[in-house]
Amino acid sequence: MPQSYKIDYIEFPSSDGPNTRRFLGDAFGWGFTGYGPDYNGINDAGIDGGIDSSDGRPRAPLAVIRTEDLELAEREVVAAGGVITTPAFDFPGGRRFHFREPGGVELAVWIEKA
């Protein structure tokens, strides 16, 4: 069966995480789960997401694509003309890498921890 790729997570960059959380909570009623001083998961938004206020955060919202085979996904991204911008790294739910597609959009691909 061919590899499956689905967008299932979106990250919002923020220079002020507490105010972004306050705004999204007040405006939309969303809740949050803290995962350290610079990252919060978003709850009840219809799609899983997070707020990244780390120094190395992307400049624009980041769509994150789920896969079953991260190494295969990376090979397919590169073969299609994508450029890896952040090599694969572990995080508290799995492993992922970031890339830029030929039109300039940065995306990420992740795999859940076994």
PDB file of N, CA and C in Angstrom:
ATOM      1  N   MET A   1       0.850  -1.175   0.000  1.00  0.00           N
ATOM      2  CA  MET A   1       0.000   0.000   0.000  1.00  0.00           C
ATOM      3  C   MET A   1       0.899   1.243   0.000  1.00  0.00           C
ATOM      4  N   PRO A   2       0.570   2.261  -0.800  1.00  0.00           N
ATOM      5  CA  PRO A   2       1.395   3.471  -0.831  1.00  0.00           C
ATOM      6  C   PRO A   2       1.350   4.224   0.496  1.00  0.00           C
ATOM      7  N   GLN A   3       2.393   4.967   0.713  1.00  0.00           N
ATOM      8  CA  GLN A   3       2.525   5.803   1.911  1.00  0.00           C
ATOM      9  C   GLN A   3       1.377   6.826   1.947  1.00  0.00           C
ATOM     10  N   SER A   4       0.860   7.103   3.123  1.00  0.00           N
ATOM     11  CA  SER A   4      -0.212   8.075   3.314  1.00  0.00           C
ATOM     12  C   SER A   4       0.364   9.367   3.887  1.00  0.00           C
ATOM     13  N   TYR A   5      -0.094  10.496   3.359  1.00  0.00           N
ATOM     14  CA  TYR A   5       0.325  11.807   3.851  1.00  0.00           C
ATOM     15  C   TYR A   5      -0.916  12.643   4.120  1.00  0.00           C
ATOM     16  N   LYS A   6      -1.114  13.072   5.370  1.00  0.00           N
ATOM     17  CA  LYS A   6      -2.273  13.871   5.752  1.00  0.00           C
ATOM     18  C   LYS A   6      -1.836  15.025   6.643  1.00  0.00           C
ATOM     19  N   ILE A   7      -2.317  16.229   6.339  1.00  0.00           N
ATOM     20  CA  ILE A   7      -2.083  17.353   7.244  1.00  0.00           C
ATOM     21  C   ILE A   7      -2.936  17.105   8.479  1.00  0.00           C
ATOM     22  N   ASP A   8      -2.299  17.050   9.650  1.00  0.00           N
ATOM     23  CA  ASP A   8      -3.080  16.811  10.867  1.00  0.00           C
ATOM     24  C   ASP A   8      -2.660  17.705  12.023  1.00  0.00           C
ATOM     25  N   TYR A   9      -1.831  18.726  11.739  1.00  0.00           N
ATOM     26  CA  TYR A   9      -1.353  19.586  12.811  1.00  0.00           C
ATOM     27  C   TYR A   9      -0.929  20.905  12.195  1.00  0.00           C
ATOM     28  N   ILE A  10      -1.153  21.998  12.905  1.00  0.00           N
ATOM     29  CA  ILE A  10      -0.685  23.300  12.444  1.00  0.00           C
ATOM     30  C   ILE A  10      -0.075  24.051  13.618  1.00  0.00           C
ATOM     31  N   GLU A  11       1.064  24.667  13.369  1.00  0.00           N
ATOM     32  CA  GLU A  11       1.736  25.450  14.406  1.00  0.00           C
ATOM     33  C   GLU A  11       1.679  26.930  14.050  1.00  0.00           C
ATOM     34  N   PHE A  12       1.374  27.729  15.048  1.00  0.00           N
ATOM     35  CA  PHE A  12       1.358  29.174  14.883  1.00  0.00           C
ATOM     36  C   PHE A  12       2.578  29.760  15.591  1.00  0.00           C
ATOM     37  N   PRO A  13       3.395  30.526  14.874  1.00  0.00           N
ATOM     38  CA  PRO A  13       4.514  31.199  15.535  1.00  0.00           C
ATOM     39  C   PRO A  13       3.982  32.397  16.315  1.00  0.00           C
ATOM     40  N   SER A  14       4.603  32.699  17.441  1.00  0.00           N
ATOM     41  CA  SER A  14       4.185  33.848  18.242  1.00  0.00           C
ATOM     42  C   SER A  14       5.379  34.460  18.950  1.00  0.00           C
ATOM     43  N   SER A  15       5.480  35.772  18.873  1.00  0.00           N
ATOM     44  CA  SER A  15       6.521  36.463  19.636  1.00  0.00           C
ATOM     45  C   SER A  15       6.081  36.711  21.064  1.00  0.00           C
ATOM     46  N   ASP A  16       4.808  36.388  21.373  1.00  0.00           N
ATOM     47  CA  ASP A  16       4.257  36.586  22.715  1.00  0.00           C
ATOM     48  C   ASP A  16       3.245  35.485  22.996  1.00  0.00           C
ATOM     49  N   GLY A  17       3.771  34.296  23.346  1.00  0.00           N
ATOM     50  CA  GLY A  17       2.920  33.125  23.576  1.00  0.00           C
ATOM     51  C   GLY A  17       1.780  33.348  24.546  1.00  0.00           C
ATOM     52  N   PRO A  18       2.014  33.971  25.725  1.00  0.00           N
ATOM     53  CA  PRO A  18       0.901  34.172  26.653  1.00  0.00           C
ATOM     54  C   PRO A  18      -0.236  35.016  26.061  1.00  0.00           C
ATOM     55  N   ASN A  19       0.094  36.050  25.320  1.00  0.00           N
ATOM     56  CA  ASN A  19      -0.967  36.873  24.729  1.00  0.00           C
ATOM     57  C   ASN A  19      -1.658  36.164  23.574  1.00  0.00           C
ATOM     58  N   THR A  20      -0.925  35.353  22.828  1.00  0.00           N
ATOM     59  CA  THR A  20      -1.564  34.568  21.773  1.00  0.00           C
ATOM     60  C   THR A  20      -2.547  33.578  22.389  1.00  0.00           C
ATOM     61  N   ARG A  21      -2.124  32.900  23.463  1.00  0.00           N
ATOM     62  CA  ARG A  21      -3.033  31.966  24.150  1.00  0.00           C
ATOM     63  C   ARG A  21      -4.253  32.702  24.681  1.00  0.00           C
ATOM     64  N   ARG A  22      -4.037  33.845  25.320  1.00  0.00           N
ATOM     65  CA  ARG A  22      -5.158  34.618  25.856  1.00  0.00           C
ATOM     66  C   ARG A  22      -6.132  34.980  24.737  1.00  0.00           C
ATOM     67  N   PHE A  23      -5.600  35.495  23.627  1.00  0.00           N
ATOM     68  CA  PHE A  23      -6.447  35.894  22.512  1.00  0.00           C
ATOM     69  C   PHE A  23      -7.253  34.715  21.964  1.00  0.00           C
ATOM     70  N   LEU A  24      -6.572  33.604  21.644  1.00  0.00           N
ATOM     71  CA  LEU A  24      -7.261  32.452  21.065  1.00  0.00           C
ATOM     72  C   LEU A  24      -8.274  31.855  22.034  1.00  0.00           C
ATOM     73  N   GLY A  25      -7.954  31.870  23.320  1.00  0.00           N
ATOM     74  CA  GLY A  25      -8.907  31.400  24.324  1.00  0.00           C
ATOM     75  C   GLY A  25     -10.118  32.315  24.419  1.00  0.00           C
ATOM     76  N   ASP A  26      -9.884  33.633  24.476  1.00  0.00           N
ATOM     77  CA  ASP A  26     -10.993  34.594  24.579  1.00  0.00           C
ATOM     78  C   ASP A  26     -11.843  34.615  23.316  1.00  0.00           C
ATOM     79  N   ALA A  27     -11.190  34.612  22.155  1.00  0.00           N
ATOM     80  CA  ALA A  27     -11.923  34.734  20.888  1.00  0.00           C
ATOM     81  C   ALA A  27     -12.641  33.455  20.497  1.00  0.00           C
ATOM     82  N   PHE A  28     -11.999  32.306  20.727  1.00  0.00           N
ATOM     83  CA  PHE A  28     -12.540  31.051  20.202  1.00  0.00           C
ATOM     84  C   PHE A  28     -12.842  29.999  21.250  1.00  0.00           C
ATOM     85  N   GLY A  29     -12.490  30.246  22.511  1.00  0.00           N
ATOM     86  CA  GLY A  29     -12.754  29.290  23.571  1.00  0.00           C
ATOM     87  C   GLY A  29     -11.824  28.100  23.582  1.00  0.00           C
ATOM     88  N   TRP A  30     -10.693  28.179  22.892  1.00  0.00           N
ATOM     89  CA  TRP A  30      -9.760  27.066  22.858  1.00  0.00           C
ATOM     90  C   TRP A  30      -8.987  26.966  24.154  1.00  0.00           C
ATOM     91  N   GLY A  31      -8.601  25.750  24.519  1.00  0.00           N
ATOM     92  CA  GLY A  31      -7.766  25.506  25.689  1.00  0.00           C
ATOM     93  C   GLY A  31      -6.349  25.168  25.238  1.00  0.00           C
ATOM     94  N   PHE A  32      -5.457  25.013  26.209  1.00  0.00           N
ATOM     95  CA  PHE A  32      -4.041  24.823  25.892  1.00  0.00           C
ATOM     96  C   PHE A  32      -3.393  23.830  26.844  1.00  0.00           C
ATOM     97  N   THR A  33      -2.389  23.129  26.345  1.00  0.00           N
ATOM     98  CA  THR A  33      -1.577  22.228  27.142  1.00  0.00           C
ATOM     99  C   THR A  33      -0.124  22.673  27.012  1.00  0.00           C
ATOM    100  N   GLY A  34       0.519  22.967  28.142  1.00  0.00           N
ATOM    101  CA  GLY A  34       1.909  23.408  28.122  1.00  0.00           C
ATOM    102  C   GLY A  34       2.870  22.258  27.914  1.00  0.00           C
ATOM    103  N   TYR A  35       3.842  22.480  27.037  1.00  0.00           N
ATOM    104  CA  TYR A  35       4.899  21.502  26.777  1.00  0.00           C
ATOM    105  C   TYR A  35       6.267  22.158  26.941  1.00  0.00           C
ATOM    106  N   GLY A  36       6.416  23.005  27.920  1.00  0.00           N
ATOM    107  CA  GLY A  36       7.670  23.717  28.147  1.00  0.00           C
ATOM    108  C   GLY A  36       7.436  25.205  28.082  1.00  0.00           C
ATOM    109  N   PRO A  37       8.484  25.979  28.291  1.00  0.00           N
ATOM    110  CA  PRO A  37       8.313  27.434  28.391  1.00  0.00           C
ATOM    111  C   PRO A  37       7.955  28.109  27.069  1.00  0.00           C
ATOM    112  N   ASP A  38       8.248  27.459  25.923  1.00  0.00           N
ATOM    113  CA  ASP A  38       8.050  28.114  24.631  1.00  0.00           C
ATOM    114  C   ASP A  38       7.057  27.422  23.718  1.00  0.00           C
ATOM    115  N   TYR A  39       6.325  26.421  24.248  1.00  0.00           N
ATOM    116  CA  TYR A  39       5.416  25.680  23.374  1.00  0.00           C
ATOM    117  C   TYR A  39       4.153  25.279  24.115  1.00  0.00           C
ATOM    118  N   ASN A  40       3.015  25.500  23.469  1.00  0.00           N
ATOM    119  CA  ASN A  40       1.720  25.086  24.015  1.00  0.00           C
ATOM    120  C   ASN A  40       0.899  24.426  22.935  1.00  0.00           C
ATOM    121  N   GLY A  41       0.328  23.252  23.258  1.00  0.00           N
ATOM    122  CA  GLY A  41      -0.612  22.612  22.356  1.00  0.00           C
ATOM    123  C   GLY A  41      -1.940  23.333  22.423  1.00  0.00           C
ATOM    124  N   ILE A  42      -2.655  23.333  21.317  1.00  0.00           N
ATOM    125  CA  ILE A  42      -3.992  23.941  21.250  1.00  0.00           C
ATOM    126  C   ILE A  42      -5.017  22.817  21.319  1.00  0.00           C
ATOM    127  N   ASN A  43      -6.026  22.973  22.183  1.00  0.00           N
ATOM    128  CA  ASN A  43      -7.082  21.979  22.346  1.00  0.00           C
ATOM    129  C   ASN A  43      -8.396  22.508  21.768  1.00  0.00           C
ATOM    130  N   ASP A  44      -9.200  21.613  21.210  1.00  0.00           N
ATOM    131  CA  ASP A  44     -10.564  21.909  20.771  1.00  0.00           C
ATOM    132  C   ASP A  44     -10.649  22.880  19.600  1.00  0.00           C
ATOM    133  N   ALA A  45      -9.632  22.894  18.705  1.00  0.00           N
ATOM    134  CA  ALA A  45      -9.642  23.816  17.571  1.00  0.00           C
ATOM    135  C   ALA A  45     -10.123  23.158  16.277  1.00  0.00           C
ATOM    136  N   GLY A  46     -10.463  21.881  16.310  1.00  0.00           N
ATOM    137  CA  GLY A  46     -10.912  21.194  15.108  1.00  0.00           C
ATOM    138  C   GLY A  46      -9.788  20.467  14.384  1.00  0.00           C
ATOM    139  N   ILE A  47      -8.561  20.886  14.616  1.00  0.00           N
ATOM    140  CA  ILE A  47      -7.355  20.220  14.133  1.00  0.00           C
ATOM    141  C   ILE A  47      -6.335  20.397  15.248  1.00  0.00           C
ATOM    142  N   ASP A  48      -5.495  19.415  15.465  1.00  0.00           N
ATOM    143  CA  ASP A  48      -4.466  19.578  16.488  1.00  0.00           C
ATOM    144  C   ASP A  48      -3.536  20.706  16.074  1.00  0.00           C
ATOM    145  N   GLY A  49      -3.023  21.416  17.053  1.00  0.00           N
ATOM    146  CA  GLY A  49      -2.128  22.521  16.742  1.00  0.00           C
ATOM    147  C   GLY A  49      -1.330  22.950  17.941  1.00  0.00           C
ATOM    148  N   GLY A  50      -0.479  23.938  17.717  1.00  0.00           N
ATOM    149  CA  GLY A  50       0.358  24.443  18.789  1.00  0.00           C
ATOM    150  C   GLY A  50       0.762  25.875  18.545  1.00  0.00           C
ATOM    151  N   ILE A  51       1.282  26.493  19.593  1.00  0.00           N
ATOM    152  CA  ILE A  51       1.820  27.849  19.545  1.00  0.00           C
ATOM    153  C   ILE A  51       3.293  27.751  19.892  1.00  0.00           C
ATOM    154  N   ASP A  52       4.130  28.149  18.963  1.00  0.00           N
ATOM    155  CA  ASP A  52       5.578  28.070  19.135  1.00  0.00           C
ATOM    156  C   ASP A  52       6.116  29.478  19.357  1.00  0.00           C
ATOM    157  N   SER A  53       6.643  29.733  20.549  1.00  0.00           N
ATOM    158  CA  SER A  53       7.229  31.046  20.837  1.00  0.00           C
ATOM    159  C   SER A  53       8.731  30.936  21.093  1.00  0.00           C
ATOM    160  N   SER A  54       9.346  29.863  20.577  1.00  0.00           N
ATOM    161  CA  SER A  54      10.790  29.683  20.738  1.00  0.00           C
ATOM    162  C   SER A  54      11.546  30.644  19.818  1.00  0.00           C
ATOM    163  N   ASP A  55      12.815  30.851  20.112  1.00  0.00           N
ATOM    164  CA  ASP A  55      13.634  31.738  19.287  1.00  0.00           C
ATOM    165  C   ASP A  55      13.769  31.237  17.851  1.00  0.00           C
ATOM    166  N   GLY A  56      13.773  29.932  17.644  1.00  0.00           N
ATOM    167  CA  GLY A  56      13.967  29.371  16.308  1.00  0.00           C
ATOM    168  C   GLY A  56      12.682  29.090  15.549  1.00  0.00           C
ATOM    169  N   ARG A  57      11.565  29.636  15.998  1.00  0.00           N
ATOM    170  CA  ARG A  57      10.275  29.344  15.375  1.00  0.00           C
ATOM    171  C   ARG A  57      10.227  29.820  13.921  1.00  0.00           C
ATOM    172  N   PRO A  58       9.431  29.148  13.086  1.00  0.00           N
ATOM    173  CA  PRO A  58       9.236  29.639  11.717  1.00  0.00           C
ATOM    174  C   PRO A  58       8.537  31.002  11.743  1.00  0.00           C
ATOM    175  N   ARG A  59       8.597  31.720  10.653  1.00  0.00           N
ATOM    176  CA  ARG A  59       7.981  33.049  10.573  1.00  0.00           C
ATOM    177  C   ARG A  59       6.489  32.984  10.228  1.00  0.00           C
ATOM    178  N   ALA A  60       6.050  31.900   9.643  1.00  0.00           N
ATOM    179  CA  ALA A  60       4.657  31.769   9.206  1.00  0.00           C
ATOM    180  C   ALA A  60       4.059  30.512   9.823  1.00  0.00           C
ATOM    181  N   PRO A  61       2.729  30.386   9.821  1.00  0.00           N
ATOM    182  CA  PRO A  61       2.132  29.136  10.293  1.00  0.00           C
ATOM    183  C   PRO A  61       2.732  27.945   9.541  1.00  0.00           C
ATOM    184  N   LEU A  62       2.851  26.840  10.244  1.00  0.00           N
ATOM    185  CA  LEU A  62       3.510  25.658   9.719  1.00  0.00           C
ATOM    186  C   LEU A  62       2.530  24.491   9.701  1.00  0.00           C
ATOM    187  N   ALA A  63       2.165  24.028   8.495  1.00  0.00           N
ATOM    188  CA  ALA A  63       1.341  22.824   8.375  1.00  0.00           C
ATOM    189  C   ALA A  63       2.250  21.621   8.575  1.00  0.00           C
ATOM    190  N   VAL A  64       1.784  20.657   9.368  1.00  0.00           N
ATOM    191  CA  VAL A  64       2.576  19.476   9.689  1.00  0.00           C
ATOM    192  C   VAL A  64       1.845  18.246   9.148  1.00  0.00           C
ATOM    193  N   ILE A  65       2.544  17.478   8.334  1.00  0.00           N
ATOM    194  CA  ILE A  65       1.985  16.328   7.629  1.00  0.00           C
ATOM    195  C   ILE A  65       2.401  15.051   8.345  1.00  0.00           C
ATOM    196  N   ARG A  66       1.429  14.181   8.596  1.00  0.00           N
ATOM    197  CA  ARG A  66       1.696  12.915   9.288  1.00  0.00           C
ATOM    198  C   ARG A  66       2.016  11.822   8.279  1.00  0.00           C
ATOM    199  N   THR A  67       2.935  10.940   8.654  1.00  0.00           N
ATOM    200  CA  THR A  67       3.318   9.824   7.798  1.00  0.00           C
ATOM    201  C   THR A  67       3.575   8.586   8.647  1.00  0.00           C
ATOM    202  N   GLU A  68       3.756   7.456   7.969  1.00  0.00           N
ATOM    203  CA  GLU A  68       4.094   6.214   8.664  1.00  0.00           C
ATOM    204  C   GLU A  68       5.574   5.872   8.543  1.00  0.00           C
ATOM    205  N   ASP A  69       6.301   6.532   7.626  1.00  0.00           N
ATOM    206  CA  ASP A  69       7.711   6.222   7.393  1.00  0.00           C
ATOM    207  C   ASP A  69       8.453   7.531   7.127  1.00  0.00           C
ATOM    208  N   LEU A  70       9.091   8.060   8.149  1.00  0.00           N
ATOM    209  CA  LEU A  70       9.727   9.374   8.057  1.00  0.00           C
ATOM    210  C   LEU A  70      10.896   9.385   7.074  1.00  0.00           C
ATOM    211  N   GLU A  71      11.706   8.335   7.074  1.00  0.00           N
ATOM    212  CA  GLU A  71      12.856   8.294   6.175  1.00  0.00           C
ATOM    213  C   GLU A  71      12.405   8.248   4.715  1.00  0.00           C
ATOM    214  N   LEU A  72      11.387   7.467   4.423  1.00  0.00           N
ATOM    215  CA  LEU A  72      10.840   7.415   3.060  1.00  0.00           C
ATOM    216  C   LEU A  72      10.271   8.785   2.682  1.00  0.00           C
ATOM    217  N   ALA A  73       9.550   9.404   3.592  1.00  0.00           N
ATOM    218  CA  ALA A  73       8.984  10.728   3.304  1.00  0.00           C
ATOM    219  C   ALA A  73      10.083  11.723   2.961  1.00  0.00           C
ATOM    220  N   GLU A  74      11.177  11.693   3.713  1.00  0.00           N
ATOM    221  CA  GLU A  74      12.278  12.623   3.443  1.00  0.00           C
ATOM    222  C   GLU A  74      12.872  12.370   2.057  1.00  0.00           C
ATOM    223  N   ARG A  75      13.062  11.110   1.700  1.00  0.00           N
ATOM    224  CA  ARG A  75      13.592  10.796   0.362  1.00  0.00           C
ATOM    225  C   ARG A  75      12.643  11.290  -0.732  1.00  0.00           C
ATOM    226  N   GLU A  76      11.336  11.100  -0.532  1.00  0.00           N
ATOM    227  CA  GLU A  76      10.362  11.521  -1.538  1.00  0.00           C
ATOM    228  C   GLU A  76      10.296  13.045  -1.650  1.00  0.00           C
ATOM    229  N   VAL A  77      10.388  13.748  -0.517  1.00  0.00           N
ATOM    230  CA  VAL A  77      10.397  15.215  -0.527  1.00  0.00           C
ATOM    231  C   VAL A  77      11.598  15.724  -1.322  1.00  0.00           C
ATOM    232  N   VAL A  78      12.783  15.189  -1.036  1.00  0.00           N
ATOM    233  CA  VAL A  78      14.003  15.628  -1.715  1.00  0.00           C
ATOM    234  C   VAL A  78      13.930  15.281  -3.207  1.00  0.00           C
ATOM    235  N   ALA A  79      13.460  14.075  -3.536  1.00  0.00           N
ATOM    236  CA  ALA A  79      13.361  13.657  -4.938  1.00  0.00           C
ATOM    237  C   ALA A  79      12.404  14.550  -5.725  1.00  0.00           C
ATOM    238  N   ALA A  80      11.398  15.093  -5.053  1.00  0.00           N
ATOM    239  CA  ALA A  80      10.423  15.954  -5.717  1.00  0.00           C
ATOM    240  C   ALA A  80      10.894  17.409  -5.809  1.00  0.00           C
ATOM    241  N   GLY A  81      12.073  17.712  -5.240  1.00  0.00           N
ATOM    242  CA  GLY A  81      12.609  19.067  -5.329  1.00  0.00           C
ATOM    243  C   GLY A  81      12.531  19.878  -4.054  1.00  0.00           C
ATOM    244  N   GLY A  82      12.101  19.261  -2.953  1.00  0.00           N
ATOM    245  CA  GLY A  82      12.068  19.957  -1.668  1.00  0.00           C
ATOM    246  C   GLY A  82      13.461  20.079  -1.082  1.00  0.00           C
ATOM    247  N   VAL A  83      13.658  21.107  -0.257  1.00  0.00           N
ATOM    248  CA  VAL A  83      14.944  21.342   0.403  1.00  0.00           C
ATOM    249  C   VAL A  83      14.735  21.212   1.909  1.00  0.00           C
ATOM    250  N   ILE A  84      15.482  20.328   2.535  1.00  0.00           N
ATOM    251  CA  ILE A  84      15.383  20.144   3.989  1.00  0.00           C
ATOM    252  C   ILE A  84      15.900  21.408   4.672  1.00  0.00           C
ATOM    253  N   THR A  85      15.073  22.008   5.529  1.00  0.00           N
ATOM    254  CA  THR A  85      15.473  23.216   6.262  1.00  0.00           C
ATOM    255  C   THR A  85      15.821  22.915   7.711  1.00  0.00           C
ATOM    256  N   THR A  86      15.230  21.854   8.269  1.00  0.00           N
ATOM    257  CA  THR A  86      15.549  21.394   9.623  1.00  0.00           C
ATOM    258  C   THR A  86      15.621  19.870   9.575  1.00  0.00           C
ATOM    259  N   PRO A  87      16.802  19.298   9.792  1.00  0.00           N
ATOM    260  CA  PRO A  87      16.927  17.836   9.765  1.00  0.00           C
ATOM    261  C   PRO A  87      16.021  17.185  10.822  1.00  0.00           C
ATOM    262  N   ALA A  88      15.745  15.927  10.633  1.00  0.00           N
ATOM    263  CA  ALA A  88      14.866  15.187  11.549  1.00  0.00           C
ATOM    264  C   ALA A  88      15.342  15.320  12.991  1.00  0.00           C
ATOM    265  N   PHE A  89      14.373  15.539  13.891  1.00  0.00           N
ATOM    266  CA  PHE A  89      14.661  15.672  15.321  1.00  0.00           C
ATOM    267  C   PHE A  89      13.516  15.070  16.116  1.00  0.00           C
ATOM    268  N   ASP A  90      13.842  14.642  17.338  1.00  0.00           N
ATOM    269  CA  ASP A  90      12.837  14.096  18.249  1.00  0.00           C
ATOM    270  C   ASP A  90      12.162  15.224  19.006  1.00  0.00           C
ATOM    271  N   PHE A  91      10.890  15.030  19.322  1.00  0.00           N
ATOM    272  CA  PHE A  91      10.130  15.928  20.192  1.00  0.00           C
ATOM    273  C   PHE A  91       9.209  15.059  21.022  1.00  0.00           C
ATOM    274  N   PRO A  92       8.515  15.625  22.038  1.00  0.00           N
ATOM    275  CA  PRO A  92       7.767  14.778  22.958  1.00  0.00           C
ATOM    276  C   PRO A  92       6.626  13.966  22.357  1.00  0.00           C
ATOM    277  N   GLY A  93       6.347  13.896  21.125  1.00  0.00           N
ATOM    278  CA  GLY A  93       5.309  13.025  20.597  1.00  0.00           C
ATOM    279  C   GLY A  93       5.796  12.179  19.448  1.00  0.00           C
ATOM    280  N   GLY A  94       7.002  12.465  18.968  1.00  0.00           N
ATOM    281  CA  GLY A  94       7.496  11.724  17.826  1.00  0.00           C
ATOM    282  C   GLY A  94       8.789  12.282  17.278  1.00  0.00           C
ATOM    283  N   ARG A  95       8.865  12.297  15.954  1.00  0.00           N
ATOM    284  CA  ARG A  95      10.071  12.761  15.258  1.00  0.00           C
ATOM    285  C   ARG A  95       9.596  13.475  13.998  1.00  0.00           C
ATOM    286  N   ARG A  96      10.318  14.537  13.577  1.00  0.00           N
ATOM    287  CA  ARG A  96       9.909  15.255  12.375  1.00  0.00           C
ATOM    288  C   ARG A  96      11.075  15.989  11.731  1.00  0.00           C
ATOM    289  N   PHE A  97      10.856  16.401  10.472  1.00  0.00           N
ATOM    290  CA  PHE A  97      11.790  17.270   9.775  1.00  0.00           C
ATOM    291  C   PHE A  97      10.993  18.376   9.098  1.00  0.00           C
ATOM    292  N   HIS A  98      11.667  19.482   8.778  1.00  0.00           N
ATOM    293  CA  HIS A  98      11.046  20.602   8.066  1.00  0.00           C
ATOM    294  C   HIS A  98      11.671  20.700   6.684  1.00  0.00           C
ATOM    295  N   PHE A  99      10.904  21.202   5.733  1.00  0.00           N
ATOM    296  CA  PHE A  99      11.418  21.397   4.378  1.00  0.00           C
ATOM    297  C   PHE A  99      10.709  22.577   3.725  1.00  0.00           C
ATOM    298  N   ARG A 100      11.330  23.076   2.661  1.00  0.00           N
ATOM    299  CA  ARG A 100      10.736  24.130   1.855  1.00  0.00           C
ATOM    300  C   ARG A 100      10.475  23.552   0.473  1.00  0.00           C
ATOM    301  N   GLU A 101       9.248  23.712  -0.005  1.00  0.00           N
ATOM    302  CA  GLU A 101       8.910  23.225  -1.336  1.00  0.00           C
ATOM    303  C   GLU A 101       9.357  24.274  -2.363  1.00  0.00           C
ATOM    304  N   PRO A 102       9.402  23.928  -3.661  1.00  0.00           N
ATOM    305  CA  PRO A 102       9.962  24.840  -4.650  1.00  0.00           C
ATOM    306  C   PRO A 102       9.310  26.224  -4.710  1.00  0.00           C
ATOM    307  N   GLY A 103       8.063  26.362  -4.299  1.00  0.00           N
ATOM    308  CA  GLY A 103       7.400  27.663  -4.301  1.00  0.00           C
ATOM    309  C   GLY A 103       7.687  28.502  -3.075  1.00  0.00           C
ATOM    310  N   GLY A 104       8.421  27.935  -2.092  1.00  0.00           N
ATOM    311  CA  GLY A 104       8.838  28.699  -0.927  1.00  0.00           C
ATOM    312  C   GLY A 104       8.097  28.420   0.364  1.00  0.00           C
ATOM    313  N   VAL A 105       7.061  27.585   0.344  1.00  0.00           N
ATOM    314  CA  VAL A 105       6.306  27.291   1.561  1.00  0.00           C
ATOM    315  C   VAL A 105       7.081  26.303   2.423  1.00  0.00           C
ATOM    316  N   GLU A 106       7.222  26.611   3.713  1.00  0.00           N
ATOM    317  CA  GLU A 106       7.847  25.673   4.645  1.00  0.00           C
ATOM    318  C   GLU A 106       6.763  24.778   5.234  1.00  0.00           C
ATOM    319  N   LEU A 107       7.044  23.483   5.263  1.00  0.00           N
ATOM    320  CA  LEU A 107       6.158  22.467   5.820  1.00  0.00           C
ATOM    321  C   LEU A 107       6.980  21.542   6.689  1.00  0.00           C
ATOM    322  N   ALA A 108       6.319  20.655   7.404  1.00  0.00           N
ATOM    323  CA  ALA A 108       7.007  19.643   8.206  1.00  0.00           C
ATOM    324  C   ALA A 108       6.313  18.307   7.993  1.00  0.00           C
ATOM    325  N   VAL A 109       7.060  17.235   8.179  1.00  0.00           N
ATOM    326  CA  VAL A 109       6.510  15.877   8.158  1.00  0.00           C
ATOM    327  C   VAL A 109       6.903  15.233   9.470  1.00  0.00           C
ATOM    328  N   TRP A 110       5.933  14.533  10.081  1.00  0.00           N
ATOM    329  CA  TRP A 110       6.205  13.906  11.385  1.00  0.00           C
ATOM    330  C   TRP A 110       5.697  12.478  11.418  1.00  0.00           C
ATOM    331  N   ILE A 111       6.265  11.734  12.363  1.00  0.00           N
ATOM    332  CA  ILE A 111       5.821  10.375  12.650  1.00  0.00           C
ATOM    333  C   ILE A 111       5.655  10.268  14.164  1.00  0.00           C
ATOM    334  N   GLU A 112       4.589   9.603  14.581  1.00  0.00           N
ATOM    335  CA  GLU A 112       4.321   9.422  16.003  1.00  0.00           C
ATOM    336  C   GLU A 112       5.301   8.415  16.595  1.00  0.00           C
ATOM    337  N   LYS A 113       5.669   8.628  17.860  1.00  0.00           N
ATOM    338  CA  LYS A 113       6.526   7.658  18.550  1.00  0.00           C
ATOM    339  C   LYS A 113       5.797   6.333  18.637  1.00  0.00           C
ATOM    340  N   ALA A 114       6.556   5.268  18.489  1.00  0.00           N
ATOM    341  CA  ALA A 114       5.959   3.921  18.548  1.00  0.00           C
ATOM    342  C   ALA A 114       5.510   3.596  19.954  1.00  0.00           C
TER     343      ALA A 114
END
